[in-house]
Structures are given as structure tokens and as C-alpha cells.
Amino acid sequence: MARYSFEGFPEVFAATSADRNRVESGLKSGAIRRMRQALYTTNTIDSVETIVKRNLWQVVSILCKGCVVSHRTAAEGKPTTGGTVVVTGKYDRKITVPGLLIRQIKGPGPLQSDQPFINGLYMSSRARFFLEVLSGKVYGTESPYLTTAQVESLLERLMVIG
């Protein structure tokens, strides 16, 4: 089997069927590791959870291309304390990677007011994420929704920041 170099590759990358030989070679030689289906890393030392935290938005963009970072994730700009990221996409699904749960909620794709974020991923506009966080019942710390008090606090912070 041919030996392939992974020099210059990002720490986290997606693989397609066209990359099959390169990936198989890299896995056999120990040059790369599989994090989950079609998601690999050139970092063979750190834990996958550490790599995911360091490359959070790159991982989300690879696994949820074309989706919109939404609900409380867009409002807060980060995962929940338990490591959940909420995106809106074509259908409902949950994607797990060590240290991260991506909850994809079925809904409209990027709107004109949403902003391109990273590698085919979008960020909800303020108007959209406020509607999203108020559109359901809060059911715990990993809920995509926020309480009225949390929304009021967020509005106060945004008014101070501008």
C-alpha cells in the first residue's frame, strides 16, 4: 500500500470515498486517527474530546454542512455546559463525538439575515435566535430553549454591548 503524507493537513478533517486509500494508509501507519465516521484527526496524542473542544466549530461544520447554528447555541455563542450544540437543518438527528452532542432540529435553512460562519455553516441572526429560544418549553440544562428570565438577561447584556 502506498504511503501518504498528512503534512499540512488540518488537525481535524473530513474524508470522502475519494480519500479511501489515503485514509486507510494513514490509519495503518498511525499517522491519523478516526474520530467518527468520515471524521479524522492528524493528532495522535491528545484525547478526542480535547481535539473536539479545540476544533469545535470545524467539527460542527464538517458534520452539519449547510446547517444553521441556532437556538441557545447561537444566543450564547457556545455549547451548553454538558457539551450540546444546537443546529437547524433539513431533518432531526443527534450526532455524537466524544465531548460533544450535536442536536440538529428540523427547520428552515439559512435565511437572508443569517450570516455565513465557517465552511458552509451559518449563524442565526439575532431576530431568528430570539424566536427560536422562545419557541419551546425549557426541559433542563441541555434544552435548546431558554427561560424568559434567561432571555431577559441576554437582552440586557446585548443592550449594554450595543
N, C-alpha and C. Protein backbone atom coordinates (compact mmCIF):
# COMPACT_ATOMS: atom_id res chain seq x y z
N MET A 1 0.84 -1.18 0.00
CA MET A 1 0.00 0.00 0.00
C MET A 1 0.89 1.25 0.00
N ALA A 2 0.53 2.22 -0.81
CA ALA A 2 1.31 3.46 -0.90
C ALA A 2 1.26 4.21 0.43
N ARG A 3 2.34 4.92 0.73
CA ARG A 3 2.38 5.74 1.95
C ARG A 3 2.05 7.17 1.55
N TYR A 4 1.16 7.75 2.30
CA TYR A 4 0.71 9.11 2.03
C TYR A 4 1.15 10.01 3.17
N SER A 5 1.45 11.23 2.83
CA SER A 5 1.82 12.22 3.84
C SER A 5 0.58 12.99 4.28
N PHE A 6 0.52 13.31 5.55
CA PHE A 6 -0.56 14.14 6.09
C PHE A 6 -0.01 15.48 6.56
N GLU A 7 1.21 15.77 6.14
CA GLU A 7 1.82 17.06 6.46
C GLU A 7 0.99 18.17 5.82
N GLY A 8 0.70 19.19 6.57
CA GLY A 8 -0.09 20.30 6.06
C GLY A 8 -1.59 20.10 6.20
N PHE A 9 -2.02 18.91 6.62
CA PHE A 9 -3.44 18.67 6.85
C PHE A 9 -3.87 19.39 8.13
N PRO A 10 -5.12 19.81 8.21
CA PRO A 10 -5.60 20.40 9.47
C PRO A 10 -5.70 19.32 10.54
N GLU A 11 -5.80 19.74 11.78
CA GLU A 11 -5.89 18.78 12.89
C GLU A 11 -7.13 17.89 12.75
N VAL A 12 -8.22 18.46 12.24
CA VAL A 12 -9.46 17.73 12.05
C VAL A 12 -9.86 17.87 10.58
N PHE A 13 -10.24 16.77 9.95
CA PHE A 13 -10.63 16.84 8.55
C PHE A 13 -11.66 15.77 8.22
N ALA A 14 -12.42 16.03 7.17
CA ALA A 14 -13.40 15.07 6.66
C ALA A 14 -12.74 14.23 5.59
N ALA A 15 -13.23 13.03 5.44
CA ALA A 15 -12.74 12.16 4.38
C ALA A 15 -13.92 11.73 3.51
N THR A 16 -13.67 11.65 2.24
CA THR A 16 -14.69 11.20 1.30
C THR A 16 -14.25 9.85 0.74
N SER A 17 -15.10 9.26 -0.08
CA SER A 17 -14.73 7.98 -0.68
C SER A 17 -13.50 8.11 -1.59
N ALA A 18 -13.28 9.31 -2.13
CA ALA A 18 -12.09 9.53 -2.97
C ALA A 18 -10.81 9.47 -2.14
N ASP A 19 -10.92 9.69 -0.83
CA ASP A 19 -9.75 9.68 0.07
C ASP A 19 -9.51 8.30 0.67
N ARG A 20 -10.23 7.30 0.25
CA ARG A 20 -10.21 6.00 0.89
C ARG A 20 -8.81 5.41 1.06
N ASN A 21 -8.01 5.39 -0.01
CA ASN A 21 -6.67 4.81 0.07
C ASN A 21 -5.77 5.61 1.01
N ARG A 22 -5.84 6.92 0.91
CA ARG A 22 -5.03 7.78 1.77
C ARG A 22 -5.38 7.54 3.25
N VAL A 23 -6.68 7.50 3.55
CA VAL A 23 -7.14 7.32 4.93
C VAL A 23 -6.74 5.93 5.44
N GLU A 24 -6.96 4.90 4.66
CA GLU A 24 -6.57 3.55 5.09
C GLU A 24 -5.08 3.47 5.39
N SER A 25 -4.28 4.08 4.54
CA SER A 25 -2.84 4.09 4.75
C SER A 25 -2.47 4.85 6.03
N GLY A 26 -3.10 6.01 6.20
CA GLY A 26 -2.84 6.82 7.39
C GLY A 26 -3.25 6.12 8.68
N LEU A 27 -4.36 5.42 8.65
CA LEU A 27 -4.80 4.68 9.83
C LEU A 27 -3.85 3.53 10.14
N LYS A 28 -3.42 2.80 9.11
CA LYS A 28 -2.50 1.67 9.32
C LYS A 28 -1.14 2.12 9.83
N SER A 29 -0.67 3.26 9.31
CA SER A 29 0.66 3.73 9.73
C SER A 29 0.62 4.49 11.05
N GLY A 30 -0.58 4.81 11.52
CA GLY A 30 -0.70 5.57 12.77
C GLY A 30 -0.54 7.07 12.59
N ALA A 31 -0.57 7.53 11.35
CA ALA A 31 -0.41 8.97 11.08
C ALA A 31 -1.68 9.75 11.40
N ILE A 32 -2.83 9.05 11.36
CA ILE A 32 -4.11 9.69 11.67
C ILE A 32 -4.95 8.76 12.53
N ARG A 33 -6.02 9.33 13.12
CA ARG A 33 -6.99 8.56 13.90
C ARG A 33 -8.40 8.89 13.43
N ARG A 34 -9.26 7.91 13.55
CA ARG A 34 -10.67 8.12 13.24
C ARG A 34 -11.37 8.62 14.49
N MET A 35 -12.10 9.73 14.36
CA MET A 35 -12.87 10.28 15.48
C MET A 35 -14.30 9.76 15.46
N ARG A 36 -14.82 9.59 14.27
CA ARG A 36 -16.14 9.00 13.99
C ARG A 36 -16.21 8.83 12.49
N GLN A 37 -17.28 8.28 11.98
CA GLN A 37 -17.40 8.04 10.54
C GLN A 37 -17.11 9.31 9.75
N ALA A 38 -16.17 9.22 8.82
CA ALA A 38 -15.77 10.30 7.91
C ALA A 38 -15.13 11.50 8.58
N LEU A 39 -14.74 11.38 9.84
CA LEU A 39 -14.08 12.47 10.57
C LEU A 39 -12.79 11.94 11.18
N TYR A 40 -11.68 12.58 10.82
CA TYR A 40 -10.36 12.10 11.22
C TYR A 40 -9.53 13.22 11.81
N THR A 41 -8.48 12.83 12.51
CA THR A 41 -7.55 13.80 13.07
C THR A 41 -6.12 13.37 12.81
N THR A 42 -5.28 14.37 12.62
CA THR A 42 -3.84 14.12 12.49
C THR A 42 -3.16 14.10 13.86
N ASN A 43 -3.91 14.46 14.90
CA ASN A 43 -3.37 14.48 16.26
C ASN A 43 -3.54 13.09 16.86
N THR A 44 -2.44 12.40 17.04
CA THR A 44 -2.49 11.03 17.56
C THR A 44 -2.14 10.97 19.05
N ILE A 45 -2.02 12.14 19.69
CA ILE A 45 -1.61 12.18 21.09
C ILE A 45 -2.75 12.57 22.03
N ASP A 46 -3.38 13.72 21.76
CA ASP A 46 -4.43 14.23 22.65
C ASP A 46 -5.68 13.37 22.57
N SER A 47 -6.51 13.46 23.62
CA SER A 47 -7.78 12.73 23.61
C SER A 47 -8.69 13.34 22.55
N VAL A 48 -9.59 12.53 22.02
CA VAL A 48 -10.54 13.02 21.01
C VAL A 48 -11.37 14.15 21.60
N GLU A 49 -11.77 14.04 22.85
CA GLU A 49 -12.56 15.09 23.50
C GLU A 49 -11.81 16.43 23.50
N THR A 50 -10.53 16.40 23.79
CA THR A 50 -9.71 17.62 23.78
C THR A 50 -9.62 18.19 22.37
N ILE A 51 -9.43 17.33 21.39
CA ILE A 51 -9.34 17.77 20.00
C ILE A 51 -10.66 18.39 19.55
N VAL A 52 -11.78 17.78 19.93
CA VAL A 52 -13.09 18.31 19.57
C VAL A 52 -13.30 19.69 20.19
N LYS A 53 -12.95 19.85 21.46
CA LYS A 53 -13.12 21.15 22.12
C LYS A 53 -12.29 22.23 21.42
N ARG A 54 -11.08 21.89 21.03
CA ARG A 54 -10.19 22.85 20.38
C ARG A 54 -10.66 23.20 18.97
N ASN A 55 -11.33 22.27 18.31
CA ASN A 55 -11.77 22.44 16.92
C ASN A 55 -13.29 22.38 16.79
N LEU A 56 -13.99 22.87 17.81
CA LEU A 56 -15.44 22.73 17.90
C LEU A 56 -16.17 23.11 16.62
N TRP A 57 -15.97 24.33 16.15
CA TRP A 57 -16.76 24.80 15.00
C TRP A 57 -16.33 24.12 13.70
N GLN A 58 -15.09 23.73 13.60
CA GLN A 58 -14.65 22.96 12.43
C GLN A 58 -15.35 21.61 12.40
N VAL A 59 -15.43 20.95 13.56
CA VAL A 59 -16.12 19.66 13.65
C VAL A 59 -17.59 19.81 13.29
N VAL A 60 -18.25 20.82 13.87
CA VAL A 60 -19.68 21.05 13.58
C VAL A 60 -19.87 21.34 12.09
N SER A 61 -18.99 22.14 11.51
CA SER A 61 -19.14 22.47 10.08
C SER A 61 -18.95 21.24 9.19
N ILE A 62 -18.08 20.33 9.57
CA ILE A 62 -17.87 19.11 8.79
C ILE A 62 -19.10 18.21 8.89
N LEU A 63 -19.63 18.06 10.08
CA LEU A 63 -20.73 17.13 10.30
C LEU A 63 -22.10 17.69 9.93
N CYS A 64 -22.20 19.03 9.85
CA CYS A 64 -23.51 19.67 9.62
C CYS A 64 -23.44 20.73 8.54
N LYS A 65 -22.73 20.46 7.46
CA LYS A 65 -22.59 21.43 6.38
C LYS A 65 -23.95 21.92 5.90
N GLY A 66 -24.08 23.24 5.75
CA GLY A 66 -25.33 23.84 5.29
C GLY A 66 -26.34 24.12 6.38
N CYS A 67 -26.04 23.69 7.60
CA CYS A 67 -26.95 23.92 8.72
C CYS A 67 -26.73 25.31 9.32
N VAL A 68 -27.61 25.68 10.23
CA VAL A 68 -27.55 26.98 10.89
C VAL A 68 -27.36 26.75 12.38
N VAL A 69 -26.30 27.32 12.96
CA VAL A 69 -26.13 27.30 14.42
C VAL A 69 -27.30 28.09 14.97
N SER A 70 -28.08 27.47 15.85
CA SER A 70 -29.36 28.06 16.20
C SER A 70 -29.67 27.93 17.69
N HIS A 71 -30.86 28.36 18.03
CA HIS A 71 -31.41 28.29 19.36
C HIS A 71 -30.41 28.84 20.39
N ARG A 72 -30.29 28.17 21.52
CA ARG A 72 -29.45 28.72 22.60
C ARG A 72 -27.97 28.74 22.23
N THR A 73 -27.54 27.87 21.32
CA THR A 73 -26.13 27.88 20.91
C THR A 73 -25.80 29.19 20.22
N ALA A 74 -26.69 29.66 19.34
CA ALA A 74 -26.48 30.95 18.67
C ALA A 74 -26.60 32.10 19.66
N ALA A 75 -27.55 32.00 20.57
CA ALA A 75 -27.77 33.06 21.56
C ALA A 75 -26.57 33.20 22.51
N GLU A 76 -26.02 32.08 22.93
CA GLU A 76 -24.93 32.10 23.90
C GLU A 76 -23.55 32.05 23.26
N GLY A 77 -23.49 31.62 22.00
CA GLY A 77 -22.22 31.56 21.28
C GLY A 77 -21.30 30.43 21.70
N LYS A 78 -21.88 29.42 22.34
CA LYS A 78 -21.06 28.30 22.82
C LYS A 78 -21.96 27.11 23.12
N PRO A 79 -21.37 25.93 23.31
CA PRO A 79 -22.16 24.76 23.70
C PRO A 79 -22.71 24.93 25.11
N THR A 80 -23.69 24.11 25.44
CA THR A 80 -24.20 24.08 26.82
C THR A 80 -23.10 23.54 27.73
N THR A 81 -23.31 23.62 29.03
CA THR A 81 -22.30 23.10 29.96
C THR A 81 -22.08 21.60 29.78
N GLY A 82 -23.09 20.91 29.29
CA GLY A 82 -22.96 19.47 29.04
C GLY A 82 -22.39 19.13 27.68
N GLY A 83 -22.09 20.15 26.86
CA GLY A 83 -21.45 19.91 25.57
C GLY A 83 -22.40 19.74 24.40
N THR A 84 -23.61 20.31 24.50
CA THR A 84 -24.57 20.22 23.40
C THR A 84 -24.53 21.47 22.53
N VAL A 85 -24.50 21.26 21.23
CA VAL A 85 -24.59 22.33 20.24
C VAL A 85 -25.88 22.08 19.47
N VAL A 86 -26.66 23.14 19.25
CA VAL A 86 -27.92 23.02 18.52
C VAL A 86 -27.77 23.68 17.15
N VAL A 87 -28.17 22.95 16.12
CA VAL A 87 -28.20 23.48 14.76
C VAL A 87 -29.57 23.19 14.17
N THR A 88 -29.94 23.96 13.15
CA THR A 88 -31.17 23.72 12.42
C THR A 88 -30.79 23.21 11.04
N GLY A 89 -31.46 22.13 10.61
CA GLY A 89 -31.16 21.53 9.32
C GLY A 89 -32.39 20.91 8.69
N LYS A 90 -32.18 20.08 7.69
CA LYS A 90 -33.28 19.52 6.90
C LYS A 90 -34.10 18.48 7.66
N TYR A 91 -33.53 17.87 8.71
CA TYR A 91 -34.25 16.83 9.45
C TYR A 91 -33.69 16.77 10.88
N ASP A 92 -34.43 16.11 11.76
CA ASP A 92 -34.00 15.91 13.14
C ASP A 92 -32.95 14.79 13.20
N ARG A 93 -31.92 15.01 13.98
CA ARG A 93 -30.94 13.95 14.25
C ARG A 93 -30.05 14.38 15.40
N LYS A 94 -29.36 13.40 15.96
CA LYS A 94 -28.36 13.66 17.00
C LYS A 94 -27.06 13.02 16.54
N ILE A 95 -25.99 13.79 16.67
CA ILE A 95 -24.67 13.32 16.27
C ILE A 95 -23.78 13.39 17.51
N THR A 96 -23.12 12.30 17.83
CA THR A 96 -22.24 12.31 18.98
C THR A 96 -20.78 12.09 18.56
N VAL A 97 -19.94 12.83 19.22
CA VAL A 97 -18.49 12.71 19.13
C VAL A 97 -18.04 12.87 20.57
N PRO A 98 -16.99 12.21 21.02
CA PRO A 98 -16.59 12.37 22.42
C PRO A 98 -16.52 13.85 22.83
N GLY A 99 -17.26 14.18 23.89
CA GLY A 99 -17.28 15.54 24.42
C GLY A 99 -18.27 16.46 23.74
N LEU A 100 -19.04 15.96 22.76
CA LEU A 100 -19.95 16.83 22.00
C LEU A 100 -21.18 16.05 21.56
N LEU A 101 -22.34 16.69 21.75
CA LEU A 101 -23.58 16.20 21.18
C LEU A 101 -24.11 17.32 20.30
N ILE A 102 -24.30 17.03 19.02
CA ILE A 102 -24.89 18.00 18.11
C ILE A 102 -26.34 17.58 17.94
N ARG A 103 -27.23 18.48 18.33
CA ARG A 103 -28.66 18.22 18.16
C ARG A 103 -29.14 19.03 16.97
N GLN A 104 -29.46 18.35 15.90
CA GLN A 104 -29.98 19.01 14.72
C GLN A 104 -31.50 18.96 14.78
N ILE A 105 -32.11 20.15 14.71
CA ILE A 105 -33.56 20.28 14.75
C ILE A 105 -34.03 20.62 13.34
N LYS A 106 -35.10 19.97 12.92
CA LYS A 106 -35.64 20.20 11.58
C LYS A 106 -36.20 21.62 11.49
N GLY A 107 -35.78 22.33 10.45
CA GLY A 107 -36.27 23.68 10.24
C GLY A 107 -35.68 24.28 8.99
N PRO A 108 -36.03 25.55 8.73
CA PRO A 108 -35.55 26.20 7.51
C PRO A 108 -34.03 26.37 7.52
N GLY A 109 -33.47 26.27 6.34
CA GLY A 109 -32.03 26.51 6.18
C GLY A 109 -31.71 27.97 6.39
N PRO A 110 -30.54 28.38 5.96
CA PRO A 110 -30.11 29.76 6.18
C PRO A 110 -31.09 30.76 5.55
N LEU A 111 -31.42 31.77 6.33
CA LEU A 111 -32.26 32.87 5.86
C LEU A 111 -31.37 34.02 5.42
N GLN A 112 -31.93 34.98 4.73
CA GLN A 112 -31.15 36.11 4.23
C GLN A 112 -30.43 36.85 5.36
N SER A 113 -31.05 36.89 6.54
CA SER A 113 -30.46 37.62 7.67
C SER A 113 -29.40 36.81 8.42
N ASP A 114 -29.33 35.49 8.18
CA ASP A 114 -28.31 34.66 8.83
C ASP A 114 -26.96 34.90 8.18
N GLN A 115 -25.90 34.72 8.94
CA GLN A 115 -24.55 35.03 8.47
C GLN A 115 -23.75 33.76 8.18
N PRO A 116 -23.00 33.73 7.07
CA PRO A 116 -22.05 32.63 6.87
C PRO A 116 -21.09 32.62 8.06
N PHE A 117 -20.80 31.43 8.56
CA PHE A 117 -19.97 31.32 9.76
C PHE A 117 -18.63 30.67 9.46
N ILE A 118 -18.64 29.39 9.17
CA ILE A 118 -17.39 28.69 8.88
C ILE A 118 -17.68 27.48 7.98
N ASN A 119 -16.98 27.38 6.88
CA ASN A 119 -17.03 26.22 5.98
C ASN A 119 -18.43 25.67 5.72
N GLY A 120 -19.34 26.52 5.26
CA GLY A 120 -20.67 26.06 4.92
C GLY A 120 -21.65 26.00 6.07
N LEU A 121 -21.24 26.46 7.22
CA LEU A 121 -22.11 26.55 8.40
C LEU A 121 -22.54 28.00 8.54
N TYR A 122 -23.76 28.22 9.01
CA TYR A 122 -24.28 29.58 9.18
C TYR A 122 -24.59 29.84 10.64
N MET A 123 -24.71 31.13 10.99
CA MET A 123 -25.07 31.55 12.35
C MET A 123 -26.41 32.27 12.28
N SER A 124 -27.34 31.87 13.14
CA SER A 124 -28.65 32.52 13.21
C SER A 124 -28.50 34.00 13.47
N SER A 125 -29.36 34.78 12.85
CA SER A 125 -29.42 36.22 13.16
C SER A 125 -30.00 36.38 14.56
N ARG A 126 -29.82 37.57 15.15
CA ARG A 126 -30.38 37.82 16.48
C ARG A 126 -31.89 37.62 16.50
N ALA A 127 -32.58 38.16 15.50
CA ALA A 127 -34.03 38.02 15.46
C ALA A 127 -34.42 36.54 15.43
N ARG A 128 -33.73 35.76 14.61
CA ARG A 128 -34.05 34.34 14.49
C ARG A 128 -33.79 33.59 15.79
N PHE A 129 -32.62 33.81 16.41
CA PHE A 129 -32.34 33.02 17.61
C PHE A 129 -33.25 33.41 18.77
N PHE A 130 -33.69 34.66 18.84
CA PHE A 130 -34.64 35.03 19.89
C PHE A 130 -35.96 34.30 19.69
N LEU A 131 -36.43 34.21 18.47
CA LEU A 131 -37.66 33.46 18.20
C LEU A 131 -37.46 31.98 18.51
N GLU A 132 -36.30 31.44 18.16
CA GLU A 132 -36.02 30.02 18.39
C GLU A 132 -35.98 29.67 19.87
N VAL A 133 -35.29 30.47 20.68
CA VAL A 133 -35.14 30.13 22.09
C VAL A 133 -36.45 30.27 22.86
N LEU A 134 -37.39 31.01 22.29
CA LEU A 134 -38.70 31.18 22.94
C LEU A 134 -39.77 30.26 22.36
N SER A 135 -39.40 29.39 21.40
CA SER A 135 -40.39 28.59 20.67
C SER A 135 -40.71 27.24 21.31
N GLY A 136 -40.13 26.95 22.45
CA GLY A 136 -40.40 25.66 23.10
C GLY A 136 -40.25 25.76 24.59
N LYS A 137 -40.57 24.68 25.25
CA LYS A 137 -40.50 24.63 26.71
C LYS A 137 -39.12 24.18 27.17
N VAL A 138 -38.56 24.90 28.12
CA VAL A 138 -37.26 24.54 28.69
C VAL A 138 -37.45 23.26 29.51
N TYR A 139 -36.60 22.27 29.28
CA TYR A 139 -36.75 20.99 29.98
C TYR A 139 -35.47 20.54 30.68
N GLY A 140 -34.50 21.42 30.85
CA GLY A 140 -33.27 21.06 31.55
C GLY A 140 -32.10 21.86 31.03
N THR A 141 -30.92 21.53 31.53
CA THR A 141 -29.72 22.31 31.19
C THR A 141 -29.27 22.11 29.74
N GLU A 142 -29.72 21.06 29.09
CA GLU A 142 -29.32 20.80 27.71
C GLU A 142 -30.42 21.19 26.71
N SER A 143 -31.46 21.83 27.18
CA SER A 143 -32.57 22.25 26.33
C SER A 143 -32.11 23.29 25.31
N PRO A 144 -32.65 23.24 24.08
CA PRO A 144 -32.31 24.27 23.10
C PRO A 144 -32.99 25.61 23.40
N TYR A 145 -33.93 25.58 24.33
CA TYR A 145 -34.73 26.77 24.63
C TYR A 145 -34.22 27.45 25.90
N LEU A 146 -34.59 28.71 26.08
CA LEU A 146 -34.21 29.47 27.26
C LEU A 146 -35.46 29.94 27.99
N THR A 147 -35.33 30.12 29.30
CA THR A 147 -36.44 30.66 30.08
C THR A 147 -36.60 32.14 29.78
N THR A 148 -37.72 32.70 30.15
CA THR A 148 -37.96 34.13 29.97
C THR A 148 -36.90 34.94 30.70
N ALA A 149 -36.55 34.51 31.91
CA ALA A 149 -35.52 35.21 32.69
C ALA A 149 -34.17 35.18 31.98
N GLN A 150 -33.81 34.04 31.38
CA GLN A 150 -32.55 33.93 30.64
C GLN A 150 -32.56 34.84 29.41
N VAL A 151 -33.69 34.91 28.72
CA VAL A 151 -33.81 35.78 27.55
C VAL A 151 -33.70 37.24 27.96
N GLU A 152 -34.34 37.61 29.07
CA GLU A 152 -34.26 38.99 29.56
C GLU A 152 -32.82 39.35 29.91
N SER A 153 -32.12 38.43 30.55
CA SER A 153 -30.71 38.66 30.89
C SER A 153 -29.86 38.84 29.63
N LEU A 154 -30.11 38.01 28.63
CA LEU A 154 -29.40 38.11 27.35
C LEU A 154 -29.68 39.46 26.69
N LEU A 155 -30.93 39.89 26.68
CA LEU A 155 -31.28 41.19 26.11
C LEU A 155 -30.58 42.33 26.84
N GLU A 156 -30.53 42.25 28.16
CA GLU A 156 -29.84 43.28 28.93
C GLU A 156 -28.35 43.35 28.56
N ARG A 157 -27.71 42.19 28.44
CA ARG A 157 -26.29 42.16 28.05
C ARG A 157 -26.09 42.74 26.66
N LEU A 158 -26.98 42.39 25.73
CA LEU A 158 -26.87 42.92 24.37
C LEU A 158 -27.09 44.43 24.32
N MET A 159 -27.96 44.95 25.16
CA MET A 159 -28.21 46.39 25.19
C MET A 159 -26.99 47.15 25.70
N VAL A 160 -26.28 46.55 26.65
CA VAL A 160 -25.06 47.17 27.20
C VAL A 160 -23.95 47.13 26.15
N ILE A 161 -23.80 45.98 25.48
CA ILE A 161 -22.75 45.81 24.48
C ILE A 161 -23.05 46.67 23.24
N GLY A 162 -24.31 46.71 22.87
CA GLY A 162 -24.70 47.52 21.70
C GLY A 162 -25.04 46.73 20.57
